[in-house]
Amino acid sequence: MKTRASSQLPAVFARPPNPENERLVGLAPVFDAQDRLLVLGSFPGAASLQAAQYYAHPRNAFWPVMAALLGEPDLATRPYAERLQALRRGRVALWDAVAACRREGSLDTAIEAAEPSDLMDLVARLPQLRAIACNGALAHRQTLLALGDVALPVLRLPSTSPAHAGLSLADKIAAWRAGLAPYLVA
């Protein structure tokens, strides 16, 4: 068995083949009626779809960013169920703006035939919702298309994707903190 270079991903995170460019279906929303903040990604990457977990790619900064914002320093290293419980305590809901699409790989730029998530339905089920945070440009664009003139702040935050390497983790945390501070439960 050959060993992988440390810069390569473990086999569990390898890009699943999609030779016929088949339609991919995203993950279910994670929420309850008490949530005050809805974080929307664009569409789960290959690692997340394979693991059936939001932000499963080990280099995605989402969980380290949330760890800093929720004041739970070891959040990114906890089991997935415990990470979701931390979001519950922080009253943070999680979903994606695209429900299904065709895509080879994980890049947002490769998304084709995007089917929007039913954001209107989810927003209606969150009576205490105070803001929507979009993880990157595509999530923001898709959210505005789906919700139109919603009576809530719809914030565009820097993508936590490893493909968005223009900002350091510290810069991403600072930007997310500046945008979300009024909406997070301490």
Protein backbone atom coordinates (compact mmCIF):
# COMPACT_ATOMS: atom_id res chain seq x y z
CA MET A 1 0.00 0.00 0.00
CA LYS A 2 1.38 3.39 -0.98
CA THR A 3 1.33 6.16 1.55
CA ARG A 4 -0.09 9.53 0.63
CA ALA A 5 1.87 12.72 0.85
CA SER A 6 0.83 14.78 3.86
CA SER A 7 -0.65 17.43 1.56
CA GLN A 8 -3.13 14.94 0.10
CA LEU A 9 -6.43 14.15 1.72
CA PRO A 10 -7.12 10.80 3.38
CA ALA A 11 -9.10 8.39 1.20
CA VAL A 12 -12.31 9.13 3.14
CA PHE A 13 -12.12 12.71 1.81
CA ALA A 14 -11.16 11.82 -1.75
CA ARG A 15 -13.45 13.27 -4.39
CA PRO A 16 -16.12 10.68 -5.20
CA PRO A 17 -16.34 10.05 -8.92
CA ASN A 18 -19.30 11.57 -10.69
CA PRO A 19 -18.62 10.39 -14.25
CA GLU A 20 -22.18 10.85 -15.51
CA ASN A 21 -22.40 14.18 -13.69
CA GLU A 22 -25.32 12.76 -11.73
CA ARG A 23 -27.57 14.94 -9.62
CA LEU A 24 -26.27 15.38 -6.08
CA VAL A 25 -28.61 16.00 -3.14
CA GLY A 26 -27.52 18.09 -0.16
CA LEU A 27 -27.93 17.53 3.56
CA ALA A 28 -31.03 18.15 5.67
CA PRO A 29 -31.22 21.39 7.64
CA VAL A 30 -30.11 21.39 11.28
CA PHE A 31 -32.39 23.66 13.32
CA ASP A 32 -34.99 24.10 16.00
CA ALA A 33 -37.60 26.80 16.52
CA GLN A 34 -35.45 28.63 19.11
CA ASP A 35 -32.64 29.46 16.66
CA ARG A 36 -31.83 33.13 16.17
CA LEU A 37 -29.18 32.82 13.45
CA LEU A 38 -29.31 30.80 10.23
CA VAL A 39 -25.96 30.01 8.60
CA LEU A 40 -26.26 29.04 4.95
CA GLY A 41 -23.52 27.48 2.89
CA SER A 42 -23.77 27.04 -0.85
CA PHE A 43 -23.79 23.23 -1.26
CA PRO A 44 -21.88 20.52 0.63
CA GLY A 45 -18.49 19.61 -0.75
CA ALA A 46 -17.58 16.06 -1.70
CA ALA A 47 -16.13 15.31 1.74
CA SER A 48 -19.30 16.54 3.46
CA LEU A 49 -21.57 14.55 1.17
CA GLN A 50 -19.48 11.42 1.69
CA ALA A 51 -19.44 11.84 5.48
CA ALA A 52 -23.05 13.14 5.61
CA GLN A 53 -21.77 15.97 7.82
CA TYR A 54 -21.65 19.70 7.31
CA TYR A 55 -18.14 21.09 6.75
CA ALA A 56 -16.41 17.69 6.94
CA HIS A 57 -13.34 18.69 4.92
CA PRO A 58 -10.49 18.87 7.46
CA ARG A 59 -9.21 22.17 6.03
CA ASN A 60 -12.57 23.94 6.00
CA ALA A 61 -12.46 26.72 8.59
CA PHE A 62 -16.17 26.59 9.51
CA TRP A 63 -15.80 24.63 12.75
CA PRO A 64 -12.74 26.60 13.96
CA VAL A 65 -14.63 29.84 13.19
CA MET A 66 -17.69 28.64 15.10
CA ALA A 67 -15.44 27.49 17.97
CA ALA A 68 -14.13 31.03 18.30
CA LEU A 69 -17.56 32.65 17.98
CA LEU A 70 -19.29 30.33 20.42
CA GLY A 71 -16.44 30.39 22.95
CA GLU A 72 -15.82 26.65 22.70
CA PRO A 73 -12.11 26.34 21.80
CA ASP A 74 -12.07 22.56 21.22
CA LEU A 75 -15.27 22.50 19.15
CA ALA A 76 -13.55 21.57 15.87
CA THR A 77 -12.05 18.42 17.42
CA ARG A 78 -15.26 17.13 19.01
CA PRO A 79 -17.44 14.43 17.47
CA TYR A 80 -19.91 15.78 14.92
CA ALA A 81 -22.97 15.29 17.17
CA GLU A 82 -21.32 17.41 19.87
CA ARG A 83 -20.53 20.16 17.35
CA LEU A 84 -24.19 20.25 16.38
CA GLN A 85 -25.18 20.42 20.07
CA ALA A 86 -22.91 23.47 20.43
CA LEU A 87 -24.77 25.13 17.55
CA ARG A 88 -28.06 24.33 19.36
CA ARG A 89 -26.77 26.01 22.53
CA GLY A 90 -25.74 29.02 20.46
CA ARG A 91 -29.15 29.06 18.72
CA VAL A 92 -27.53 28.62 15.32
CA ALA A 93 -29.33 26.80 12.50
CA LEU A 94 -27.40 25.35 9.58
CA TRP A 95 -28.30 24.56 5.98
CA ASP A 96 -27.33 25.23 2.37
CA ALA A 97 -28.86 27.58 -0.19
CA VAL A 98 -28.70 24.89 -2.90
CA ALA A 99 -30.69 21.69 -2.28
CA ALA A 100 -29.46 19.70 -5.28
CA CYS A 101 -27.23 20.19 -8.29
CA ARG A 102 -24.83 18.63 -10.72
CA ARG A 103 -21.17 19.15 -9.90
CA GLU A 104 -17.85 17.48 -10.49
CA GLY A 105 -15.66 17.98 -7.42
CA SER A 106 -16.39 20.49 -4.67
CA LEU A 107 -15.96 23.96 -6.11
CA ASP A 108 -18.94 26.31 -6.18
CA THR A 109 -17.89 27.37 -9.68
CA ALA A 110 -18.58 23.80 -10.87
CA ILE A 111 -22.22 23.81 -9.68
CA GLU A 112 -24.67 23.31 -12.53
CA ALA A 113 -28.47 23.04 -12.63
CA ALA A 114 -28.80 24.27 -9.05
CA GLU A 115 -32.11 23.58 -7.33
CA PRO A 116 -32.66 26.10 -4.51
CA SER A 117 -33.43 24.99 -1.00
CA ASP A 118 -36.86 25.93 0.33
CA LEU A 119 -35.52 28.79 2.43
CA MET A 120 -38.93 30.46 2.75
CA ASP A 121 -40.27 27.38 4.52
CA LEU A 122 -37.30 27.15 6.86
CA VAL A 123 -37.41 30.86 7.72
CA ALA A 124 -41.13 30.51 8.48
CA ARG A 125 -40.26 27.71 10.93
CA LEU A 126 -37.79 29.92 12.82
CA PRO A 127 -39.94 32.53 14.62
CA GLN A 128 -37.00 33.90 16.64
CA LEU A 129 -34.70 34.26 13.63
CA ARG A 130 -32.81 37.58 13.70
CA ALA A 131 -30.34 37.21 10.81
CA ILE A 132 -29.13 35.00 7.99
CA ALA A 133 -25.38 34.54 7.54
CA CYS A 134 -24.18 33.39 4.13
CA ASN A 135 -20.93 31.47 3.99
CA GLY A 136 -19.50 32.94 0.79
CA ALA A 137 -20.66 34.68 -2.37
CA LEU A 138 -22.69 31.87 -3.97
CA ALA A 139 -24.64 31.22 -0.77
CA HIS A 140 -25.39 34.93 -0.55
CA ARG A 141 -26.49 35.20 -4.18
CA GLN A 142 -28.70 32.08 -3.96
CA THR A 143 -30.23 33.25 -0.67
CA LEU A 144 -31.18 36.64 -2.10
CA LEU A 145 -32.75 34.93 -5.12
CA ALA A 146 -34.72 32.52 -2.92
CA LEU A 147 -35.89 35.01 -0.30
CA GLY A 148 -36.16 38.24 -2.25
CA ASP A 149 -36.90 41.16 0.03
CA VAL A 150 -36.84 39.32 3.36
CA ALA A 151 -37.28 41.47 6.47
CA LEU A 152 -34.06 40.15 8.03
CA PRO A 153 -30.40 41.05 7.61
CA VAL A 154 -28.80 38.74 5.02
CA LEU A 155 -25.06 38.96 5.65
CA ARG A 156 -22.37 37.93 3.18
CA LEU A 157 -19.41 36.52 5.10
CA PRO A 158 -16.09 35.25 3.75
CA SER A 159 -16.18 31.63 2.68
CA THR A 160 -14.68 29.17 5.13
CA SER A 161 -13.76 26.86 2.23
CA PRO A 162 -10.11 25.88 1.83
CA ALA A 163 -10.49 27.10 -1.78
CA HIS A 164 -10.91 30.64 -0.36
CA ALA A 165 -7.31 31.02 0.75
CA GLY A 166 -7.15 34.81 0.41
CA LEU A 167 -7.85 35.28 4.13
CA SER A 168 -6.13 33.69 7.09
CA LEU A 169 -8.15 31.83 9.72
CA ALA A 170 -7.70 34.81 12.06
CA ASP A 171 -9.06 37.17 9.39
CA LYS A 172 -12.05 34.89 8.72
CA ILE A 173 -12.81 34.72 12.45
CA ALA A 174 -12.58 38.51 12.75
CA ALA A 175 -14.90 39.05 9.78
CA TRP A 176 -17.45 36.51 11.03
CA ARG A 177 -17.28 37.94 14.56
CA ALA A 178 -17.81 41.50 13.28
CA GLY A 179 -20.83 40.43 11.22
CA LEU A 180 -22.45 38.08 13.71
CA ALA A 181 -21.73 39.52 17.16
CA PRO A 182 -25.21 41.06 17.56
CA TYR A 183 -26.90 37.75 16.73
CA LEU A 184 -24.95 35.18 18.73
CA VAL A 185 -26.01 33.84 22.12
CA ALA A 186 -23.14 34.11 24.60
